[in-house]
Amino acid sequence: FFDMSLSHISPSIYEIHGFAPETITFNDVLGAIHPED
């Protein structure tokens, strides 16, 4: 939370959400949340 950086990203994040572990950002994760939620 100091700089909103990600680490130790599981490879499965690509299989489930389509995000490349090498380039994913926290905003990508937040942007995947359903707009109504």
Full PDB file with SEQRES, HELIX, SHEET, SSBOND, CRYST1, ORIGX, SCALE, CONECT and MASTER records, all heavy atoms in Angstrom:
SEQRES   1 A   37  PHE PHE ASP MET SER LEU SER HIS ILE SER PRO SER ILE          
SEQRES   2 A   37  TYR GLU ILE HIS GLY PHE ALA PRO GLU THR ILE THR PHE          
SEQRES   3 A   37  ASN ASP VAL LEU GLY ALA ILE HIS PRO GLU ASP                  
HELIX    1 AA1 SER A   12  HIS A   17  1                                   6    
HELIX    2 AA2 PHE A   26  GLY A   31  1                                   6    
CRYST1    1.000    1.000    1.000  90.00  90.00  90.00 P 1           1          
ORIGX1      1.000000  0.000000  0.000000        0.00000                         
ORIGX2      0.000000  1.000000  0.000000        0.00000                         
ORIGX3      0.000000  0.000000  1.000000        0.00000                         
SCALE1      1.000000  0.000000  0.000000        0.00000                         
SCALE2      0.000000  1.000000  0.000000        0.00000                         
SCALE3      0.000000  0.000000  1.000000        0.00000                         
ATOM      1  N   PHE A   1       0.811  -1.212   0.000  1.00  0.00           N  
ATOM      2  CA  PHE A   1       0.000   0.000   0.000  1.00  0.00           C  
ATOM      3  C   PHE A   1       0.850   1.270   0.000  1.00  0.00           C  
ATOM      4  O   PHE A   1       0.322   2.362  -0.261  1.00  0.00           O  
ATOM      5  CB  PHE A   1      -0.959   0.007   1.190  1.00  0.00           C  
ATOM      6  CG  PHE A   1      -2.118  -0.935   1.026  1.00  0.00           C  
ATOM      7  CD1 PHE A   1      -2.158  -2.143   1.705  1.00  0.00           C  
ATOM      8  CD2 PHE A   1      -3.162  -0.621   0.170  1.00  0.00           C  
ATOM      9  CE1 PHE A   1      -3.223  -3.031   1.538  1.00  0.00           C  
ATOM     10  CE2 PHE A   1      -4.226  -1.484  -0.006  1.00  0.00           C  
ATOM     11  CZ  PHE A   1      -4.255  -2.694   0.680  1.00  0.00           C  
ATOM     12  N   PHE A   2       2.134   1.143   0.301  1.00  0.00           N  
ATOM     13  CA  PHE A   2       3.012   2.322   0.275  1.00  0.00           C  
ATOM     14  C   PHE A   2       3.049   2.944  -1.110  1.00  0.00           C  
ATOM     15  O   PHE A   2       2.909   4.161  -1.269  1.00  0.00           O  
ATOM     16  CB  PHE A   2       4.422   1.932   0.725  1.00  0.00           C  
ATOM     17  CG  PHE A   2       5.440   3.010   0.505  1.00  0.00           C  
ATOM     18  CD1 PHE A   2       5.379   4.196   1.220  1.00  0.00           C  
ATOM     19  CD2 PHE A   2       6.451   2.842  -0.431  1.00  0.00           C  
ATOM     20  CE1 PHE A   2       6.320   5.202   1.004  1.00  0.00           C  
ATOM     21  CE2 PHE A   2       7.390   3.840  -0.647  1.00  0.00           C  
ATOM     22  CZ  PHE A   2       7.320   5.022   0.067  1.00  0.00           C  
ATOM     23  N   ASP A   3       3.227   2.112  -2.136  1.00  0.00           N  
ATOM     24  CA  ASP A   3       3.280   2.634  -3.501  1.00  0.00           C  
ATOM     25  C   ASP A   3       2.337   1.895  -4.462  1.00  0.00           C  
ATOM     26  O   ASP A   3       2.398   2.096  -5.672  1.00  0.00           O  
ATOM     27  CB  ASP A   3       4.711   2.564  -4.042  1.00  0.00           C  
ATOM     28  CG  ASP A   3       5.284   1.146  -3.994  1.00  0.00           C  
ATOM     29  OD1 ASP A   3       4.527   0.194  -3.688  1.00  0.00           O  
ATOM     30  OD2 ASP A   3       6.492   0.992  -4.258  1.00  0.00           O  
ATOM     31  N   MET A   4       1.463   1.054  -3.916  1.00  0.00           N  
ATOM     32  CA  MET A   4       0.479   0.302  -4.690  1.00  0.00           C  
ATOM     33  C   MET A   4       1.131  -0.638  -5.714  1.00  0.00           C  
ATOM     34  O   MET A   4       0.554  -0.924  -6.761  1.00  0.00           O  
ATOM     35  CB  MET A   4      -0.507   1.246  -5.408  1.00  0.00           C  
ATOM     36  CG  MET A   4      -1.352   2.071  -4.464  1.00  0.00           C  
ATOM     37  SD  MET A   4      -2.392   1.032  -3.403  1.00  0.00           S  
ATOM     38  CE  MET A   4      -3.174   2.248  -2.345  1.00  0.00           C  
ATOM     39  N   SER A   5       2.317  -1.120  -5.408  1.00  0.00           N  
ATOM     40  CA  SER A   5       2.996  -2.050  -6.300  1.00  0.00           C  
ATOM     41  C   SER A   5       2.618  -3.488  -5.952  1.00  0.00           C  
ATOM     42  O   SER A   5       2.260  -3.796  -4.809  1.00  0.00           O  
ATOM     43  CB  SER A   5       4.515  -1.882  -6.193  1.00  0.00           C  
ATOM     44  OG  SER A   5       4.965  -2.152  -4.874  1.00  0.00           O  
ATOM     45  N   LEU A   6       2.691  -4.380  -6.936  1.00  0.00           N  
ATOM     46  CA  LEU A   6       2.359  -5.791  -6.748  1.00  0.00           C  
ATOM     47  C   LEU A   6       3.619  -6.638  -6.822  1.00  0.00           C  
ATOM     48  O   LEU A   6       4.566  -6.323  -7.549  1.00  0.00           O  
ATOM     49  CB  LEU A   6       1.379  -6.261  -7.827  1.00  0.00           C  
ATOM     50  CG  LEU A   6       0.033  -5.552  -7.933  1.00  0.00           C  
ATOM     51  CD1 LEU A   6      -0.819  -6.220  -9.012  1.00  0.00           C  
ATOM     52  CD2 LEU A   6      -0.699  -5.539  -6.608  1.00  0.00           C  
ATOM     53  N   SER A   7       3.620  -7.736  -6.075  1.00  0.00           N  
ATOM     54  CA  SER A   7       4.709  -8.708  -6.130  1.00  0.00           C  
ATOM     55  C   SER A   7       4.139 -10.096  -5.867  1.00  0.00           C  
ATOM     56  O   SER A   7       2.967 -10.238  -5.511  1.00  0.00           O  
ATOM     57  CB  SER A   7       5.798  -8.377  -5.095  1.00  0.00           C  
ATOM     58  OG  SER A   7       5.277  -8.479  -3.776  1.00  0.00           O  
ATOM     59  N   HIS A   8       4.973 -11.138  -6.058  1.00  0.00           N  
ATOM     60  CA  HIS A   8       4.568 -12.521  -5.803  1.00  0.00           C  
ATOM     61  C   HIS A   8       3.234 -12.841  -6.493  1.00  0.00           C  
ATOM     62  O   HIS A   8       2.326 -13.419  -5.889  1.00  0.00           O  
ATOM     63  CB  HIS A   8       4.467 -12.793  -4.305  1.00  0.00           C  
ATOM     64  CG  HIS A   8       5.755 -12.617  -3.560  1.00  0.00           C  
ATOM     65  ND1 HIS A   8       6.189 -11.386  -3.122  1.00  0.00           N  
ATOM     66  CD2 HIS A   8       6.706 -13.514  -3.196  1.00  0.00           C  
ATOM     67  CE1 HIS A   8       7.346 -11.536  -2.502  1.00  0.00           C  
ATOM     68  NE2 HIS A   8       7.698 -12.808  -2.542  1.00  0.00           N  
ATOM     69  N   ILE A   9       3.116 -12.442  -7.754  1.00  0.00           N  
ATOM     70  CA  ILE A   9       1.867 -12.620  -8.504  1.00  0.00           C  
ATOM     71  C   ILE A   9       1.794 -14.047  -9.037  1.00  0.00           C  
ATOM     72  O   ILE A   9       2.725 -14.522  -9.681  1.00  0.00           O  
ATOM     73  CB  ILE A   9       1.807 -11.618  -9.674  1.00  0.00           C  
ATOM     74  CG1 ILE A   9       1.929 -10.179  -9.137  1.00  0.00           C  
ATOM     75  CG2 ILE A   9       0.521 -11.790 -10.464  1.00  0.00           C  
ATOM     76  CD1 ILE A   9       2.284  -9.170 -10.202  1.00  0.00           C  
ATOM     77  N   SER A  10       0.699 -14.731  -8.773  1.00  0.00           N  
ATOM     78  CA  SER A  10       0.556 -16.112  -9.211  1.00  0.00           C  
ATOM     79  C   SER A  10       0.316 -16.168 -10.721  1.00  0.00           C  
ATOM     80  O   SER A  10      -0.407 -15.329 -11.272  1.00  0.00           O  
ATOM     81  CB  SER A  10      -0.594 -16.800  -8.484  1.00  0.00           C  
ATOM     82  OG  SER A  10      -1.835 -16.211  -8.835  1.00  0.00           O  
ATOM     83  N   PRO A  11       0.912 -17.150 -11.405  1.00  0.00           N  
ATOM     84  CA  PRO A  11       0.690 -17.298 -12.855  1.00  0.00           C  
ATOM     85  C   PRO A  11      -0.775 -17.502 -13.213  1.00  0.00           C  
ATOM     86  O   PRO A  11      -1.198 -17.157 -14.317  1.00  0.00           O  
ATOM     87  CB  PRO A  11       1.527 -18.538 -13.204  1.00  0.00           C  
ATOM     88  CG  PRO A  11       2.569 -18.620 -12.129  1.00  0.00           C  
ATOM     89  CD  PRO A  11       1.883 -18.137 -10.890  1.00  0.00           C  
ATOM     90  N   SER A  12      -1.564 -18.028 -12.270  1.00  0.00           N  
ATOM     91  CA  SER A  12      -2.971 -18.319 -12.549  1.00  0.00           C  
ATOM     92  C   SER A  12      -3.793 -17.064 -12.801  1.00  0.00           C  
ATOM     93  O   SER A  12      -4.921 -17.143 -13.289  1.00  0.00           O  
ATOM     94  CB  SER A  12      -3.589 -19.105 -11.386  1.00  0.00           C  
ATOM     95  OG  SER A  12      -3.466 -18.387 -10.159  1.00  0.00           O  
ATOM     96  N   ILE A  13      -3.237 -15.906 -12.472  1.00  0.00           N  
ATOM     97  CA  ILE A  13      -3.992 -14.675 -12.698  1.00  0.00           C  
ATOM     98  C   ILE A  13      -4.206 -14.451 -14.198  1.00  0.00           C  
ATOM     99  O   ILE A  13      -5.177 -13.797 -14.607  1.00  0.00           O  
ATOM    100  CB  ILE A  13      -3.280 -13.464 -12.048  1.00  0.00           C  
ATOM    101  CG1 ILE A  13      -4.290 -12.351 -11.762  1.00  0.00           C  
ATOM    102  CG2 ILE A  13      -2.121 -12.943 -12.917  1.00  0.00           C  
ATOM    103  CD1 ILE A  13      -3.816 -11.333 -10.744  1.00  0.00           C  
ATOM    104  N   TYR A  14      -3.319 -15.012 -15.026  1.00  0.00           N  
ATOM    105  CA  TYR A  14      -3.518 -14.924 -16.477  1.00  0.00           C  
ATOM    106  C   TYR A  14      -4.591 -15.905 -16.932  1.00  0.00           C  
ATOM    107  O   TYR A  14      -5.468 -15.557 -17.729  1.00  0.00           O  
ATOM    108  CB  TYR A  14      -2.211 -15.211 -17.226  1.00  0.00           C  
ATOM    109  CG  TYR A  14      -2.417 -15.234 -18.731  1.00  0.00           C  
ATOM    110  CD1 TYR A  14      -2.543 -14.045 -19.448  1.00  0.00           C  
ATOM    111  CD2 TYR A  14      -2.518 -16.441 -19.411  1.00  0.00           C  
ATOM    112  CE1 TYR A  14      -2.760 -14.056 -20.819  1.00  0.00           C  
ATOM    113  CE2 TYR A  14      -2.736 -16.462 -20.792  1.00  0.00           C  
ATOM    114  CZ  TYR A  14      -2.864 -15.276 -21.485  1.00  0.00           C  
ATOM    115  OH  TYR A  14      -3.095 -15.298 -22.835  1.00  0.00           O  
ATOM    116  N   GLU A  15      -4.534 -17.126 -16.427  1.00  0.00           N  
ATOM    117  CA  GLU A  15      -5.507 -18.144 -16.827  1.00  0.00           C  
ATOM    118  C   GLU A  15      -6.921 -17.745 -16.437  1.00  0.00           C  
ATOM    119  O   GLU A  15      -7.886 -18.044 -17.151  1.00  0.00           O  
ATOM    120  CB  GLU A  15      -5.145 -19.493 -16.201  1.00  0.00           C  
ATOM    121  CG  GLU A  15      -3.808 -20.058 -16.660  1.00  0.00           C  
ATOM    122  CD  GLU A  15      -3.753 -20.247 -18.160  1.00  0.00           C  
ATOM    123  OE1 GLU A  15      -4.787 -20.605 -18.758  1.00  0.00           O  
ATOM    124  OE2 GLU A  15      -2.680 -20.008 -18.755  1.00  0.00           O  
ATOM    125  N   ILE A  16      -7.071 -17.059 -15.307  1.00  0.00           N  
ATOM    126  CA  ILE A  16      -8.403 -16.701 -14.815  1.00  0.00           C  
ATOM    127  C   ILE A  16      -8.882 -15.363 -15.395  1.00  0.00           C  
ATOM    128  O   ILE A  16     -10.005 -15.246 -15.884  1.00  0.00           O  
ATOM    129  CB  ILE A  16      -8.408 -16.644 -13.272  1.00  0.00           C  
ATOM    130  CG1 ILE A  16      -8.077 -18.025 -12.690  1.00  0.00           C  
ATOM    131  CG2 ILE A  16      -9.764 -16.160 -12.756  1.00  0.00           C  
ATOM    132  CD1 ILE A  16      -7.906 -18.029 -11.188  1.00  0.00           C  
ATOM    133  N   HIS A  17      -8.013 -14.367 -15.332  1.00  0.00           N  
ATOM    134  CA  HIS A  17      -8.437 -13.012 -15.708  1.00  0.00           C  
ATOM    135  C   HIS A  17      -7.809 -12.485 -16.992  1.00  0.00           C  
ATOM    136  O   HIS A  17      -8.232 -11.439 -17.502  1.00  0.00           O  
ATOM    137  CB  HIS A  17      -8.118 -12.040 -14.572  1.00  0.00           C  
ATOM    138  CG  HIS A  17      -8.801 -12.367 -13.280  1.00  0.00           C  
ATOM    139  ND1 HIS A  17     -10.160 -12.217 -13.098  1.00  0.00           N  
ATOM    140  CD2 HIS A  17      -8.317 -12.854 -12.102  1.00  0.00           C  
ATOM    141  CE1 HIS A  17     -10.482 -12.587 -11.862  1.00  0.00           C  
ATOM    142  NE2 HIS A  17      -9.388 -12.973 -11.248  1.00  0.00           N  
ATOM    143  N   GLY A  18      -6.776 -13.161 -17.497  1.00  0.00           N  
ATOM    144  CA  GLY A  18      -6.137 -12.699 -18.721  1.00  0.00           C  
ATOM    145  C   GLY A  18      -5.072 -11.643 -18.507  1.00  0.00           C  
ATOM    146  O   GLY A  18      -4.612 -11.023 -19.478  1.00  0.00           O  
ATOM    147  N   PHE A  19      -4.661 -11.401 -17.238  1.00  0.00           N  
ATOM    148  CA  PHE A  19      -3.627 -10.413 -16.953  1.00  0.00           C  
ATOM    149  C   PHE A  19      -2.246 -11.059 -16.987  1.00  0.00           C  
ATOM    150  O   PHE A  19      -2.035 -12.113 -16.380  1.00  0.00           O  
ATOM    151  CB  PHE A  19      -3.833  -9.783 -15.575  1.00  0.00           C  
ATOM    152  CG  PHE A  19      -5.106  -8.985 -15.449  1.00  0.00           C  
ATOM    153  CD1 PHE A  19      -5.965  -9.189 -14.377  1.00  0.00           C  
ATOM    154  CD2 PHE A  19      -5.440  -8.027 -16.391  1.00  0.00           C  
ATOM    155  CE1 PHE A  19      -7.135  -8.457 -14.244  1.00  0.00           C  
ATOM    156  CE2 PHE A  19      -6.613  -7.282 -16.270  1.00  0.00           C  
ATOM    157  CZ  PHE A  19      -7.463  -7.507 -15.199  1.00  0.00           C  
ATOM    158  N   ALA A  20      -1.299 -10.441 -17.669  1.00  0.00           N  
ATOM    159  CA  ALA A  20       0.065 -10.947 -17.687  1.00  0.00           C  
ATOM    160  C   ALA A  20       0.744 -10.600 -16.363  1.00  0.00           C  
ATOM    161  O   ALA A  20       0.791  -9.411 -15.990  1.00  0.00           O  
ATOM    162  CB  ALA A  20       0.843 -10.324 -18.840  1.00  0.00           C  
ATOM    163  N   PRO A  21       1.248 -11.581 -15.618  1.00  0.00           N  
ATOM    164  CA  PRO A  21       1.887 -11.305 -14.323  1.00  0.00           C  
ATOM    165  C   PRO A  21       3.022 -10.297 -14.409  1.00  0.00           C  
ATOM    166  O   PRO A  21       3.290  -9.584 -13.449  1.00  0.00           O  
ATOM    167  CB  PRO A  21       2.401 -12.683 -13.889  1.00  0.00           C  
ATOM    168  CG  PRO A  21       1.512 -13.650 -14.587  1.00  0.00           C  
ATOM    169  CD  PRO A  21       1.207 -13.019 -15.913  1.00  0.00           C  
ATOM    170  N   GLU A  22       3.686 -10.217 -15.577  1.00  0.00           N  
ATOM    171  CA  GLU A  22       4.839  -9.327 -15.724  1.00  0.00           C  
ATOM    172  C   GLU A  22       4.438  -7.851 -15.824  1.00  0.00           C  
ATOM    173  O   GLU A  22       5.244  -6.960 -15.505  1.00  0.00           O  
ATOM    174  CB  GLU A  22       5.647  -9.699 -16.975  1.00  0.00           C  
ATOM    175  CG  GLU A  22       6.193 -11.122 -16.985  1.00  0.00           C  
ATOM    176  CD  GLU A  22       5.146 -12.144 -17.395  1.00  0.00           C  
ATOM    177  OE1 GLU A  22       4.070 -11.735 -17.909  1.00  0.00           O  
ATOM    178  OE2 GLU A  22       5.396 -13.349 -17.191  1.00  0.00           O  
ATOM    179  N   THR A  23       3.221  -7.584 -16.250  1.00  0.00           N  
ATOM    180  CA  THR A  23       2.829  -6.190 -16.502  1.00  0.00           C  
ATOM    181  C   THR A  23       1.593  -5.742 -15.715  1.00  0.00           C  
ATOM    182  O   THR A  23       1.234  -4.564 -15.768  1.00  0.00           O  
ATOM    183  CB  THR A  23       2.539  -5.979 -18.004  1.00  0.00           C  
ATOM    184  OG1 THR A  23       1.492  -6.877 -18.416  1.00  0.00           O  
ATOM    185  CG2 THR A  23       3.797  -6.251 -18.830  1.00  0.00           C  
ATOM    186  N   ILE A  24       0.946  -6.632 -15.005  1.00  0.00           N  
ATOM    187  CA  ILE A  24      -0.290  -6.288 -14.304  1.00  0.00           C  
ATOM    188  C   ILE A  24      -0.055  -5.206 -13.261  1.00  0.00           C  
ATOM    189  O   ILE A  24       0.989  -5.160 -12.608  1.00  0.00           O  
ATOM    190  CB  ILE A  24      -0.914  -7.545 -13.643  1.00  0.00           C  
ATOM    191  CG1 ILE A  24      -2.281  -7.200 -13.034  1.00  0.00           C  
ATOM    192  CG2 ILE A  24       0.017  -8.130 -12.598  1.00  0.00           C  
ATOM    193  CD1 ILE A  24      -2.997  -8.413 -12.449  1.00  0.00           C  
ATOM    194  N   THR A  25      -1.024  -4.309 -13.105  1.00  0.00           N  
ATOM    195  CA  THR A  25      -0.988  -3.273 -12.074  1.00  0.00           C  
ATOM    196  C   THR A  25      -2.175  -3.473 -11.129  1.00  0.00           C  
ATOM    197  O   THR A  25      -3.129  -4.200 -11.437  1.00  0.00           O  
ATOM    198  CB  THR A  25      -1.072  -1.865 -12.684  1.00  0.00           C  
ATOM    199  OG1 THR A  25      -2.377  -1.689 -13.281  1.00  0.00           O  
ATOM    200  CG2 THR A  25       0.010  -1.671 -13.735  1.00  0.00           C  
ATOM    201  N   PHE A  26      -2.133  -2.790  -9.995  1.00  0.00           N  
ATOM    202  CA  PHE A  26      -3.230  -2.906  -9.043  1.00  0.00           C  
ATOM    203  C   PHE A  26      -4.516  -2.334  -9.631  1.00  0.00           C  
ATOM    204  O   PHE A  26      -5.610  -2.840  -9.364  1.00  0.00           O  
ATOM    205  CB  PHE A  26      -2.877  -2.195  -7.745  1.00  0.00           C  
ATOM    206  CG  PHE A  26      -3.797  -2.550  -6.594  1.00  0.00           C  
ATOM    207  CD1 PHE A  26      -4.263  -3.843  -6.412  1.00  0.00           C  
ATOM    208  CD2 PHE A  26      -4.194  -1.586  -5.684  1.00  0.00           C  
ATOM    209  CE1 PHE A  26      -5.102  -4.177  -5.352  1.00  0.00           C  
ATOM    210  CE2 PHE A  26      -5.036  -1.900  -4.622  1.00  0.00           C  
ATOM    211  CZ  PHE A  26      -5.492  -3.204  -4.461  1.00  0.00           C  
ATOM    212  N   ASN A  27      -4.402  -1.306 -10.444  1.00  0.00           N  
ATOM    213  CA  ASN A  27      -5.593  -0.753 -11.091  1.00  0.00           C  
ATOM    214  C   ASN A  27      -6.229  -1.752 -12.050  1.00  0.00           C  
ATOM    215  O   ASN A  27      -7.444  -1.739 -12.265  1.00  0.00           O  
ATOM    216  CB  ASN A  27      -5.255   0.536 -11.826  1.00  0.00           C  
ATOM    217  CG  ASN A  27      -5.299   1.757 -10.911  1.00  0.00           C  
ATOM    218  OD1 ASN A  27      -5.711   1.653  -9.754  1.00  0.00           O  
ATOM    219  ND2 ASN A  27      -4.869   2.893 -11.418  1.00  0.00           N  
ATOM    220  N   ASP A  28      -5.404  -2.620 -12.655  1.00  0.00           N  
ATOM    221  CA  ASP A  28      -5.961  -3.689 -13.500  1.00  0.00           C  
ATOM    222  C   ASP A  28      -6.846  -4.603 -12.662  1.00  0.00           C  
ATOM    223  O   ASP A  28      -7.940  -4.992 -13.082  1.00  0.00           O  
ATOM    224  CB  ASP A  28      -4.841  -4.502 -14.147  1.00  0.00           C  
ATOM    225  CG  ASP A  28      -4.068  -3.729 -15.193  1.00  0.00           C  
ATOM    226  OD1 ASP A  28      -4.661  -2.821 -15.815  1.00  0.00           O  
ATOM    227  OD2 ASP A  28      -2.877  -4.035 -15.386  1.00  0.00           O  
ATOM    228  N   VAL A  29      -6.347  -4.967 -11.482  1.00  0.00           N  
ATOM    229  CA  VAL A  29      -7.109  -5.842 -10.581  1.00  0.00           C  
ATOM    230  C   VAL A  29      -8.417  -5.171 -10.169  1.00  0.00           C  
ATOM    231  O   VAL A  29      -9.495  -5.772 -10.223  1.00  0.00           O  
ATOM    232  CB  VAL A  29      -6.281  -6.193  -9.328  1.00  0.00           C  
ATOM    233  CG1 VAL A  29      -7.118  -7.009  -8.348  1.00  0.00           C  
ATOM    234  CG2 VAL A  29      -5.026  -6.952  -9.712  1.00  0.00           C  
ATOM    235  N   LEU A  30      -8.322  -3.903  -9.773  1.00  0.00           N  
ATOM    236  CA  LEU A  30      -9.519  -3.174  -9.337  1.00  0.00           C  
ATOM    237  C   LEU A  30     -10.488  -2.979 -10.496  1.00  0.00           C  
ATOM    238  O   LEU A  30     -11.710  -3.038 -10.325  1.00  0.00           O  
ATOM    239  CB  LEU A  30      -9.124  -1.819  -8.753  1.00  0.00           C  
ATOM    240  CG  LEU A  30      -8.194  -1.843  -7.540  1.00  0.00           C  
ATOM    241  CD1 LEU A  30      -7.880  -0.419  -7.082  1.00  0.00           C  
ATOM    242  CD2 LEU A  30      -8.800  -2.646  -6.394  1.00  0.00           C  
ATOM    243  N   GLY A  31      -9.946  -2.766 -11.691  1.00  0.00           N  
ATOM    244  CA  GLY A  31     -10.791  -2.553 -12.865  1.00  0.00           C  
ATOM    245  C   GLY A  31     -11.571  -3.781 -13.280  1.00  0.00           C  
ATOM    246  O   GLY A  31     -12.549  -3.678 -14.017  1.00  0.00           O  
ATOM    247  N   ALA A  32     -11.141  -4.971 -12.791  1.00  0.00           N  
ATOM    248  CA  ALA A  32     -11.838  -6.213 -13.123  1.00  0.00           C  
ATOM    249  C   ALA A  32     -13.077  -6.422 -12.259  1.00  0.00           C  
ATOM    250  O   ALA A  32     -13.914  -7.280 -12.560  1.00  0.00           O  
ATOM    251  CB  ALA A  32     -10.891  -7.406 -12.968  1.00  0.00           C  
ATOM    252  N   ILE A  33     -13.212  -5.656 -11.173  1.00  0.00           N  
ATOM    253  CA  ILE A  33     -14.393  -5.772 -10.313  1.00  0.00           C  
ATOM    254  C   ILE A  33     -15.630  -5.325 -11.091  1.00  0.00           C  
ATOM    255  O   ILE A  33     -15.597  -4.327 -11.808  1.00  0.00           O  
ATOM    256  CB  ILE A  33     -14.238  -4.908  -9.045  1.00  0.00           C  
ATOM    257  CG1 ILE A  33     -13.009  -5.353  -8.245  1.00  0.00           C  
ATOM    258  CG2 ILE A  33     -15.492  -4.984  -8.169  1.00  0.00           C  
ATOM    259  CD1 ILE A  33     -12.697  -4.438  -7.062  1.00  0.00           C  
ATOM    260  N   HIS A  34     -16.704  -6.073 -10.933  1.00  0.00           N  
ATOM    261  CA  HIS A  34     -17.952  -5.713 -11.627  1.00  0.00           C  
ATOM    262  C   HIS A  34     -18.359  -4.291 -11.232  1.00  0.00           C  
ATOM    263  O   HIS A  34     -18.357  -3.949 -10.043  1.00  0.00           O  
ATOM    264  CB  HIS A  34     -19.056  -6.693 -11.241  1.00  0.00           C  
ATOM    265  CG  HIS A  34     -20.252  -6.644 -12.144  1.00  0.00           C  
ATOM    266  ND1 HIS A  34     -21.114  -5.560 -12.174  1.00  0.00           N  
ATOM    267  CD2 HIS A  34     -20.747  -7.547 -13.049  1.00  0.00           C  
ATOM    268  CE1 HIS A  34     -22.083  -5.791 -13.048  1.00  0.00           C  
ATOM    269  NE2 HIS A  34     -21.876  -6.981 -13.598  1.00  0.00           N  
ATOM    270  N   PRO A  35     -18.714  -3.440 -12.205  1.00  0.00           N  
ATOM    271  CA  PRO A  35     -19.082  -2.055 -11.893  1.00  0.00           C  
ATOM    272  C   PRO A  35     -20.157  -1.930 -10.819  1.00  0.00           C  
ATOM    273  O   PRO A  35     -20.140  -0.977 -10.032  1.00  0.00           O  
ATOM    274  CB  PRO A  35     -19.574  -1.513 -13.248  1.00  0.00           C  
ATOM    275  CG  PRO A  35     -18.858  -2.338 -14.266  1.00  0.00           C  
ATOM    276  CD  PRO A  35     -18.745  -3.714 -13.668  1.00  0.00           C  
ATOM    277  N   GLU A  36     -21.086  -2.879 -10.779  1.00  0.00           N  
ATOM    278  CA  GLU A  36     -22.161  -2.810  -9.786  1.00  0.00           C  
ATOM    279  C   GLU A  36     -21.688  -3.204  -8.395  1.00  0.00           C  
ATOM    280  O   GLU A  36     -22.406  -2.963  -7.416  1.00  0.00           O  
ATOM    281  CB  GLU A  36     -23.319  -3.720 -10.215  1.00  0.00           C  
ATOM    282  CG  GLU A  36     -24.018  -3.272 -11.488  1.00  0.00           C  
ATOM    283  CD  GLU A  36     -25.109  -4.235 -11.910  1.00  0.00           C  
ATOM    284  OE1 GLU A  36     -25.331  -5.232 -11.197  1.00  0.00           O  
ATOM    285  OE2 GLU A  36     -25.741  -3.985 -12.961  1.00  0.00           O  
ATOM    286  N   ASP A  37     -20.483  -3.802  -8.274  1.00  0.00           N  
ATOM    287  CA  ASP A  37     -19.973  -4.239  -6.971  1.00  0.00           C  
ATOM    288  C   ASP A  37     -18.903  -3.306  -6.416  1.00  0.00           C  
ATOM    289  O   ASP A  37     -18.488  -3.457  -5.260  1.00  0.00           O  
ATOM    290  CB  ASP A  37     -19.395  -5.649  -7.073  1.00  0.00           C  
ATOM    291  CG  ASP A  37     -20.475  -6.714  -7.223  1.00  0.00           C  
ATOM    292  OD1 ASP A  37     -21.667  -6.350  -7.117  1.00  0.00           O  
ATOM    293  OD2 ASP A  37     -20.133  -7.889  -7.456  1.00  0.00           O  
TER     294      ASP A  37                                                      
MASTER        0    0    0    2    0    0    0    6  293    1    0    3          
END                                                                             
